[in-house]
Structure formats: C-alpha cells, structure tokens
Amino acid sequence: MTSIPLAEELLLLAYDDQTGKATGSRIGLDLGMAAAVLVDLALAGRVAYSDGFLKVIDPTPTGEPIADTVLAKASDDEPHTPGQWVQRLRHRLRSRVLEDLVARGVVQDVDETQMEFIHVHRYPTTDPAYEAEIRRRLAEALTGQSMCDERTAALATLLVACRMEPALRLPPEESARAHQRLEQIAAGAGFSGSLDLEDSVVRPSVALVVHTLGKAISAALGAPKPV
C-alpha cells in the first residue's frame, strides 16, 4: 500500500472509526499534525535546521499537496524557527487533511444538525485499510526488538510527543511498556532523547521539530503525568 503523510496517519489514529469523532486532546492533535508536516519535509530532504531556523534546502515538490503548499510558502517567506512553524501550521490543518481524506474515500463527511441550526461534522471510516496498515506497523514496532523503518519510527516519535498513546487502544497493563518502547524507538532513530540538539548529526531537523512539539504540548496541556 502506498504510504500516506504522517499528519494523515496521526489523524486516522486519533479519530474513532465508528463515531467519526476525535479522541483525546484536539490541540495536541493539531500541534502534532503541524509537526508531522515538517517532519515529512525534513525526511524528504526539503527542509533542514540551520542557524536556529528551518530553511528550505530543496524546493522540489514532494507530490503531497499540503506539504508542497507549506514548502512553497517556506521558499518564498523569511526563515522561521521550528516553534514558529508549528504554531503557524496548526490552524485549519486538520480541516484540510480531513478534506483530502474525504476526497480519496478514506473517511466520510457526515454533516449533522444539532439544536436545529448548529452543524456538526463527523468523519467515520469508509476505507479501513489505511488505518489497519498503520496499526500493523506500530504493533510490529512495539513487539519487535530490531529497529523499525524510518517512517514508523517518526510516527512513534510523534505519538509520544503528542501524548497520543491512548490511540493505540492497548490494555492499561500494557500502556507503560508501550510508552517505554515508543521512547526507545524515537531515541534509537535519533529523533529524540538525551542529545545535544545543536550538535546532533543524526536527523537534527526532525529532532528539533520534535523537541519544539514537546514544549508546545507541555504549554498547552501541562506537565505530563508519570507513566
């Protein structure tokens, strides 16, 4: 199956398949999806961290509409820090991703009216294959001992940073071990962990975006609860 952007993967994990409603923190999801767009661009070699900013190093389109819109904007604009980009991108990003998923038949837009005039949209799954593939990769990463592929490692890193472990739907007794494994995957890929972010030579751009995301999540949701 063709891979989909990390922002779409986060959203599919966060939305309930049947009710079509977001679970968990919406601000956390929005921040995570914004970071995911930047991570995808960094992994594709389009942006890189330099002198405190995320800068475009290759303006060639990736073929993903949302990422390419951001890439074009970044190419024409002055450089911004990872934190500035995360905050700028999170507004209306979820709506755009949902629109793309609806257009491709992955989810359905159910428009309901409440209290006679308030429109509420739900997005139940219509094609479960994409989310099933995402969950399969994560399940293998959680139970395996070897390093997983780069994109799955990036997704695992974003899940931890966004505090989205509940989206994995694991039994309570497995949550702590899963959290530790996700952190292990993130650190092993060089996307997080105890490293000097200024001097890191292993995916420094991704590490900076994830570091920034963690700070934004803490500012929005408070300090994380002990696992």
C-alpha atoms as a PDB file:
ATOM      1  CA  MET A   1       0.000   0.000   0.000  1.00  0.00           C
ATOM      2  CA  THR A   2       1.249   3.499  -0.833  1.00  0.00           C
ATOM      3  CA  SER A   3       2.382   5.405   2.246  1.00  0.00           C
ATOM      4  CA  ILE A   4       0.401   8.445   3.326  1.00  0.00           C
ATOM      5  CA  PRO A   5       1.655  11.606   5.063  1.00  0.00           C
ATOM      6  CA  LEU A   6       2.443  11.395   8.766  1.00  0.00           C
ATOM      7  CA  ALA A   7      -0.208  14.028   9.531  1.00  0.00           C
ATOM      8  CA  GLU A   8      -2.861  11.780   7.978  1.00  0.00           C
ATOM      9  CA  GLU A   9      -1.580   8.808   9.955  1.00  0.00           C
ATOM     10  CA  LEU A  10      -1.873  10.730  13.226  1.00  0.00           C
ATOM     11  CA  LEU A  11      -5.391  11.856  12.372  1.00  0.00           C
ATOM     12  CA  LEU A  12      -6.610   8.363  11.460  1.00  0.00           C
ATOM     13  CA  LEU A  13      -5.265   7.035  14.747  1.00  0.00           C
ATOM     14  CA  ALA A  14      -6.890   9.857  16.703  1.00  0.00           C
ATOM     15  CA  TYR A  15     -10.393   9.583  15.202  1.00  0.00           C
ATOM     16  CA  ASP A  16     -12.842   6.885  16.264  1.00  0.00           C
ATOM     17  CA  ASP A  17     -13.664   4.660  13.291  1.00  0.00           C
ATOM     18  CA  GLN A  18     -17.366   4.372  14.115  1.00  0.00           C
ATOM     19  CA  THR A  19     -18.340   7.711  15.649  1.00  0.00           C
ATOM     20  CA  GLY A  20     -16.026   9.709  13.401  1.00  0.00           C
ATOM     21  CA  LYS A  21     -15.081  11.970  16.304  1.00  0.00           C
ATOM     22  CA  ALA A  22     -11.648  12.945  17.568  1.00  0.00           C
ATOM     23  CA  THR A  23     -10.486  11.256  20.734  1.00  0.00           C
ATOM     24  CA  GLY A  24      -8.015  12.805  23.137  1.00  0.00           C
ATOM     25  CA  SER A  25      -6.766  16.386  23.046  1.00  0.00           C
ATOM     26  CA  ARG A  26      -7.642  18.316  19.908  1.00  0.00           C
ATOM     27  CA  ILE A  27      -4.958  20.922  20.489  1.00  0.00           C
ATOM     28  CA  GLY A  28      -2.461  18.101  20.960  1.00  0.00           C
ATOM     29  CA  LEU A  29      -3.532  16.548  17.672  1.00  0.00           C
ATOM     30  CA  ASP A  30      -3.362  19.871  15.830  1.00  0.00           C
ATOM     31  CA  LEU A  31       0.142  20.578  17.117  1.00  0.00           C
ATOM     32  CA  GLY A  32       1.228  17.036  16.311  1.00  0.00           C
ATOM     33  CA  MET A  33      -0.096  17.212  12.765  1.00  0.00           C
ATOM     34  CA  ALA A  34       1.698  20.522  12.182  1.00  0.00           C
ATOM     35  CA  ALA A  35       4.934  18.972  13.384  1.00  0.00           C
ATOM     36  CA  ALA A  36       4.257  15.906  11.215  1.00  0.00           C
ATOM     37  CA  VAL A  37       4.190  18.044   8.046  1.00  0.00           C
ATOM     38  CA  LEU A  38       7.583  19.488   8.968  1.00  0.00           C
ATOM     39  CA  VAL A  39       8.964  16.044   9.797  1.00  0.00           C
ATOM     40  CA  ASP A  40       7.838  14.721   6.411  1.00  0.00           C
ATOM     41  CA  LEU A  41       9.566  17.615   4.666  1.00  0.00           C
ATOM     42  CA  ALA A  42      12.738  17.059   6.690  1.00  0.00           C
ATOM     43  CA  LEU A  43      12.776  13.334   5.950  1.00  0.00           C
ATOM     44  CA  ALA A  44      12.266  14.116   2.264  1.00  0.00           C
ATOM     45  CA  GLY A  45      15.315  16.385   2.301  1.00  0.00           C
ATOM     46  CA  ARG A  46      13.327  19.535   1.576  1.00  0.00           C
ATOM     47  CA  VAL A  47      13.951  21.481   4.791  1.00  0.00           C
ATOM     48  CA  ALA A  48      16.797  21.445   7.304  1.00  0.00           C
ATOM     49  CA  TYR A  49      17.658  23.107  10.577  1.00  0.00           C
ATOM     50  CA  SER A  50      20.309  25.815  10.243  1.00  0.00           C
ATOM     51  CA  ASP A  51      21.293  28.734  12.477  1.00  0.00           C
ATOM     52  CA  GLY A  52      18.171  28.411  14.608  1.00  0.00           C
ATOM     53  CA  PHE A  53      15.736  28.212  11.691  1.00  0.00           C
ATOM     54  CA  LEU A  54      14.098  25.620   9.461  1.00  0.00           C
ATOM     55  CA  LYS A  55      15.238  26.524   5.960  1.00  0.00           C
ATOM     56  CA  VAL A  56      14.311  25.154   2.552  1.00  0.00           C
ATOM     57  CA  ILE A  57      17.256  23.313   1.006  1.00  0.00           C
ATOM     58  CA  ASP A  58      15.367  21.791  -1.927  1.00  0.00           C
ATOM     59  CA  PRO A  59      12.170  23.444  -3.260  1.00  0.00           C
ATOM     60  CA  THR A  60      11.249  20.487  -5.490  1.00  0.00           C
ATOM     61  CA  PRO A  61       7.620  19.472  -4.789  1.00  0.00           C
ATOM     62  CA  THR A  62       7.091  16.176  -2.967  1.00  0.00           C
ATOM     63  CA  GLY A  63       3.783  15.327  -4.620  1.00  0.00           C
ATOM     64  CA  GLU A  64       1.795  15.739  -1.388  1.00  0.00           C
ATOM     65  CA  PRO A  65      -0.498  18.796  -1.726  1.00  0.00           C
ATOM     66  CA  ILE A  66      -0.376  20.038   1.867  1.00  0.00           C
ATOM     67  CA  ALA A  67       3.367  19.528   2.257  1.00  0.00           C
ATOM     68  CA  ASP A  68       4.007  21.206  -1.085  1.00  0.00           C
ATOM     69  CA  THR A  69       1.898  24.216  -0.104  1.00  0.00           C
ATOM     70  CA  VAL A  70       3.987  24.599   3.041  1.00  0.00           C
ATOM     71  CA  LEU A  71       7.193  24.083   1.063  1.00  0.00           C
ATOM     72  CA  ALA A  72       6.263  26.777  -1.458  1.00  0.00           C
ATOM     73  CA  LYS A  73       5.334  29.184   1.321  1.00  0.00           C
ATOM     74  CA  ALA A  74       8.580  28.493   3.154  1.00  0.00           C
ATOM     75  CA  SER A  75      10.572  29.046  -0.033  1.00  0.00           C
ATOM     76  CA  ASP A  76       9.054  32.496  -0.550  1.00  0.00           C
ATOM     77  CA  ASP A  77       8.973  33.579   3.090  1.00  0.00           C
ATOM     78  CA  GLU A  78      11.667  34.562   5.543  1.00  0.00           C
ATOM     79  CA  PRO A  79      13.053  31.717   7.690  1.00  0.00           C
ATOM     80  CA  HIS A  80      11.143  30.723  10.816  1.00  0.00           C
ATOM     81  CA  THR A  81      12.068  28.698  13.863  1.00  0.00           C
ATOM     82  CA  PRO A  82      10.560  25.211  14.310  1.00  0.00           C
ATOM     83  CA  GLY A  83       8.319  26.633  17.039  1.00  0.00           C
ATOM     84  CA  GLN A  84       7.011  29.391  14.788  1.00  0.00           C
ATOM     85  CA  TRP A  85       6.252  26.898  12.025  1.00  0.00           C
ATOM     86  CA  VAL A  86       4.391  24.517  14.328  1.00  0.00           C
ATOM     87  CA  GLN A  87       2.154  27.322  15.585  1.00  0.00           C
ATOM     88  CA  ARG A  88       1.578  28.763  12.109  1.00  0.00           C
ATOM     89  CA  LEU A  89       0.684  25.437  10.509  1.00  0.00           C
ATOM     90  CA  ARG A  90      -1.714  24.066  13.113  1.00  0.00           C
ATOM     91  CA  HIS A  91      -4.569  26.422  12.224  1.00  0.00           C
ATOM     92  CA  ARG A  92      -7.071  24.750   9.828  1.00  0.00           C
ATOM     93  CA  LEU A  93      -4.594  21.960   9.085  1.00  0.00           C
ATOM     94  CA  ARG A  94      -6.907  19.300  10.474  1.00  0.00           C
ATOM     95  CA  SER A  95      -9.747  20.527   8.244  1.00  0.00           C
ATOM     96  CA  ARG A  96      -7.525  20.361   5.170  1.00  0.00           C
ATOM     97  CA  VAL A  97      -6.338  16.854   5.990  1.00  0.00           C
ATOM     98  CA  LEU A  98      -9.909  15.704   6.572  1.00  0.00           C
ATOM     99  CA  GLU A  99     -10.977  17.213   3.250  1.00  0.00           C
ATOM    100  CA  ASP A 100      -8.221  15.282   1.463  1.00  0.00           C
ATOM    101  CA  LEU A 101      -9.177  12.023   3.186  1.00  0.00           C
ATOM    102  CA  VAL A 102     -12.836  12.549   2.286  1.00  0.00           C
ATOM    103  CA  ALA A 103     -11.935  13.256  -1.353  1.00  0.00           C
ATOM    104  CA  ARG A 104      -9.995   9.969  -1.503  1.00  0.00           C
ATOM    105  CA  GLY A 105     -12.771   7.971   0.118  1.00  0.00           C
ATOM    106  CA  VAL A 106     -10.845   7.104   3.277  1.00  0.00           C
ATOM    107  CA  VAL A 107     -13.366   8.762   5.612  1.00  0.00           C
ATOM    108  CA  GLN A 108     -16.883  10.098   5.123  1.00  0.00           C
ATOM    109  CA  ASP A 109     -18.096  13.595   5.992  1.00  0.00           C
ATOM    110  CA  VAL A 110     -21.334  13.208   7.964  1.00  0.00           C
ATOM    111  CA  ASP A 111     -22.968  16.611   8.429  1.00  0.00           C
ATOM    112  CA  GLU A 112     -25.466  16.616  11.306  1.00  0.00           C
ATOM    113  CA  THR A 113     -27.604  19.413  12.700  1.00  0.00           C
ATOM    114  CA  GLN A 114     -27.926  19.878  16.440  1.00  0.00           C
ATOM    115  CA  MET A 115     -30.275  22.269  18.231  1.00  0.00           C
ATOM    116  CA  GLU A 116     -31.840  22.988  14.805  1.00  0.00           C
ATOM    117  CA  PHE A 117     -29.062  25.207  13.492  1.00  0.00           C
ATOM    118  CA  ILE A 118     -25.646  24.008  14.711  1.00  0.00           C
ATOM    119  CA  HIS A 119     -23.825  21.908  12.117  1.00  0.00           C
ATOM    120  CA  VAL A 120     -21.577  19.176  13.491  1.00  0.00           C
ATOM    121  CA  HIS A 121     -19.323  17.112  11.240  1.00  0.00           C
ATOM    122  CA  ARG A 122     -18.300  13.531  11.935  1.00  0.00           C
ATOM    123  CA  TYR A 123     -15.795  11.526   9.910  1.00  0.00           C
ATOM    124  CA  PRO A 124     -16.374   7.777  10.249  1.00  0.00           C
ATOM    125  CA  THR A 125     -14.014   5.480   8.373  1.00  0.00           C
ATOM    126  CA  THR A 126     -15.102   4.174   4.972  1.00  0.00           C
ATOM    127  CA  ASP A 127     -11.824   2.535   3.909  1.00  0.00           C
ATOM    128  CA  PRO A 128     -10.216   0.862   6.954  1.00  0.00           C
ATOM    129  CA  ALA A 129      -7.207  -0.457   5.026  1.00  0.00           C
ATOM    130  CA  TYR A 130      -5.030   2.614   5.656  1.00  0.00           C
ATOM    131  CA  GLU A 131      -5.512   2.669   9.414  1.00  0.00           C
ATOM    132  CA  ALA A 132      -5.146  -1.119   9.604  1.00  0.00           C
ATOM    133  CA  GLU A 133      -1.756  -0.836   7.914  1.00  0.00           C
ATOM    134  CA  ILE A 134      -0.678   1.931  10.291  1.00  0.00           C
ATOM    135  CA  ARG A 135      -1.675  -0.123  13.336  1.00  0.00           C
ATOM    136  CA  ARG A 136       0.059  -3.203  11.943  1.00  0.00           C
ATOM    137  CA  ARG A 137       3.346  -1.302  11.581  1.00  0.00           C
ATOM    138  CA  LEU A 138       3.082   0.106  15.089  1.00  0.00           C
ATOM    139  CA  ALA A 139       2.194  -3.284  16.570  1.00  0.00           C
ATOM    140  CA  GLU A 140       5.260  -4.831  14.954  1.00  0.00           C
ATOM    141  CA  ALA A 141       7.415  -1.959  16.196  1.00  0.00           C
ATOM    142  CA  LEU A 142       6.110  -2.324  19.741  1.00  0.00           C
ATOM    143  CA  THR A 143       6.663  -6.072  19.910  1.00  0.00           C
ATOM    144  CA  GLY A 144       9.887  -6.289  17.901  1.00  0.00           C
ATOM    145  CA  GLN A 145      13.419  -5.906  19.179  1.00  0.00           C
ATOM    146  CA  SER A 146      15.019  -4.628  15.987  1.00  0.00           C
ATOM    147  CA  MET A 147      14.877  -1.079  14.666  1.00  0.00           C
ATOM    148  CA  CYS A 148      11.773  -0.316  12.616  1.00  0.00           C
ATOM    149  CA  ASP A 149      11.692   1.645   9.369  1.00  0.00           C
ATOM    150  CA  GLU A 150      12.233   5.390   9.347  1.00  0.00           C
ATOM    151  CA  ARG A 151       8.621   6.463   8.834  1.00  0.00           C
ATOM    152  CA  THR A 152       7.289   4.173  11.546  1.00  0.00           C
ATOM    153  CA  ALA A 153       9.984   5.485  13.886  1.00  0.00           C
ATOM    154  CA  ALA A 154       8.915   9.049  13.054  1.00  0.00           C
ATOM    155  CA  LEU A 155       5.275   8.176  13.742  1.00  0.00           C
ATOM    156  CA  ALA A 156       6.216   6.557  17.057  1.00  0.00           C
ATOM    157  CA  THR A 157       8.159   9.687  17.976  1.00  0.00           C
ATOM    158  CA  LEU A 158       5.200  11.949  17.204  1.00  0.00           C
ATOM    159  CA  LEU A 159       2.821   9.729  19.183  1.00  0.00           C
ATOM    160  CA  VAL A 160       4.988  10.065  22.285  1.00  0.00           C
ATOM    161  CA  ALA A 161       5.473  13.807  21.843  1.00  0.00           C
ATOM    162  CA  CYS A 162       1.706  14.343  21.379  1.00  0.00           C
ATOM    163  CA  ARG A 163       0.832  12.049  24.300  1.00  0.00           C
ATOM    164  CA  MET A 164      -1.326  10.021  21.942  1.00  0.00           C
ATOM    165  CA  GLU A 165      -0.519   6.582  23.373  1.00  0.00           C
ATOM    166  CA  PRO A 166      -4.232   6.019  24.244  1.00  0.00           C
ATOM    167  CA  ALA A 167      -4.931   5.998  20.489  1.00  0.00           C
ATOM    168  CA  LEU A 168      -3.098   2.660  20.352  1.00  0.00           C
ATOM    169  CA  ARG A 169      -6.050   1.128  22.278  1.00  0.00           C
ATOM    170  CA  LEU A 170      -3.866  -1.034  24.458  1.00  0.00           C
ATOM    171  CA  PRO A 171      -4.946  -2.625  27.762  1.00  0.00           C
ATOM    172  CA  PRO A 172      -3.979  -0.473  30.768  1.00  0.00           C
ATOM    173  CA  GLU A 173      -1.406  -3.007  31.945  1.00  0.00           C
ATOM    174  CA  GLU A 174       0.471  -2.675  28.628  1.00  0.00           C
ATOM    175  CA  SER A 175       0.465   1.126  28.411  1.00  0.00           C
ATOM    176  CA  ALA A 176       3.638   1.747  30.430  1.00  0.00           C
ATOM    177  CA  ARG A 177       5.661  -0.793  28.467  1.00  0.00           C
ATOM    178  CA  ALA A 178       4.360   0.618  25.172  1.00  0.00           C
ATOM    179  CA  HIS A 179       5.339   4.138  26.234  1.00  0.00           C
ATOM    180  CA  GLN A 180       8.856   2.975  27.055  1.00  0.00           C
ATOM    181  CA  ARG A 181       9.137   1.125  23.752  1.00  0.00           C
ATOM    182  CA  LEU A 182       7.963   4.158  21.766  1.00  0.00           C
ATOM    183  CA  GLU A 183      10.549   6.312  23.519  1.00  0.00           C
ATOM    184  CA  GLN A 184      13.180   3.678  22.774  1.00  0.00           C
ATOM    185  CA  ILE A 185      12.256   3.702  19.089  1.00  0.00           C
ATOM    186  CA  ALA A 186      12.369   7.505  18.951  1.00  0.00           C
ATOM    187  CA  ALA A 187      15.768   7.683  20.629  1.00  0.00           C
ATOM    188  CA  GLY A 188      17.163   4.839  18.538  1.00  0.00           C
ATOM    189  CA  ALA A 189      16.204   6.654  15.334  1.00  0.00           C
ATOM    190  CA  GLY A 190      17.883   9.842  16.530  1.00  0.00           C
ATOM    191  CA  PHE A 191      14.565  11.707  16.621  1.00  0.00           C
ATOM    192  CA  SER A 192      14.554  12.386  20.378  1.00  0.00           C
ATOM    193  CA  GLY A 193      16.329  11.516  23.588  1.00  0.00           C
ATOM    194  CA  SER A 194      19.247  12.936  25.505  1.00  0.00           C
ATOM    195  CA  LEU A 195      21.240  14.516  22.714  1.00  0.00           C
ATOM    196  CA  ASP A 196      22.706  17.946  22.132  1.00  0.00           C
ATOM    197  CA  LEU A 197      20.195  19.354  19.701  1.00  0.00           C
ATOM    198  CA  GLU A 198      22.624  21.954  18.401  1.00  0.00           C
ATOM    199  CA  ASP A 199      25.363  19.425  17.639  1.00  0.00           C
ATOM    200  CA  SER A 200      23.321  16.370  16.701  1.00  0.00           C
ATOM    201  CA  VAL A 201      24.356  14.813  13.417  1.00  0.00           C
ATOM    202  CA  VAL A 202      21.504  12.282  13.405  1.00  0.00           C
ATOM    203  CA  ARG A 203      18.385  13.820  11.894  1.00  0.00           C
ATOM    204  CA  PRO A 204      18.875  17.181  13.651  1.00  0.00           C
ATOM    205  CA  SER A 205      15.954  18.812  11.845  1.00  0.00           C
ATOM    206  CA  VAL A 206      13.487  16.139  12.960  1.00  0.00           C
ATOM    207  CA  ALA A 207      14.906  16.199  16.487  1.00  0.00           C
ATOM    208  CA  LEU A 208      14.412  19.964  16.704  1.00  0.00           C
ATOM    209  CA  VAL A 209      10.824  19.779  15.452  1.00  0.00           C
ATOM    210  CA  VAL A 210      10.021  17.034  17.977  1.00  0.00           C
ATOM    211  CA  HIS A 211      11.725  18.992  20.761  1.00  0.00           C
ATOM    212  CA  THR A 212       9.650  22.043  19.834  1.00  0.00           C
ATOM    213  CA  LEU A 213       6.473  19.957  19.679  1.00  0.00           C
ATOM    214  CA  GLY A 214       7.104  18.610  23.165  1.00  0.00           C
ATOM    215  CA  LYS A 215       7.432  22.125  24.554  1.00  0.00           C
ATOM    216  CA  ALA A 216       4.246  23.266  22.774  1.00  0.00           C
ATOM    217  CA  ILE A 217       2.317  20.259  24.113  1.00  0.00           C
ATOM    218  CA  SER A 218       3.513  20.969  27.667  1.00  0.00           C
ATOM    219  CA  ALA A 219       2.500  24.611  27.328  1.00  0.00           C
ATOM    220  CA  ALA A 220      -0.967  23.612  26.105  1.00  0.00           C
ATOM    221  CA  LEU A 221      -1.673  20.562  28.288  1.00  0.00           C
ATOM    222  CA  GLY A 222       0.625  20.997  31.278  1.00  0.00           C
ATOM    223  CA  ALA A 223       3.327  18.669  32.529  1.00  0.00           C
ATOM    224  CA  PRO A 224       2.920  15.027  31.516  1.00  0.00           C
ATOM    225  CA  LYS A 225       1.620  12.569  34.101  1.00  0.00           C
ATOM    226  CA  PRO A 226       4.077   9.930  35.323  1.00  0.00           C
ATOM    227  CA  VAL A 227       3.771   6.724  33.289  1.00  0.00           C
END
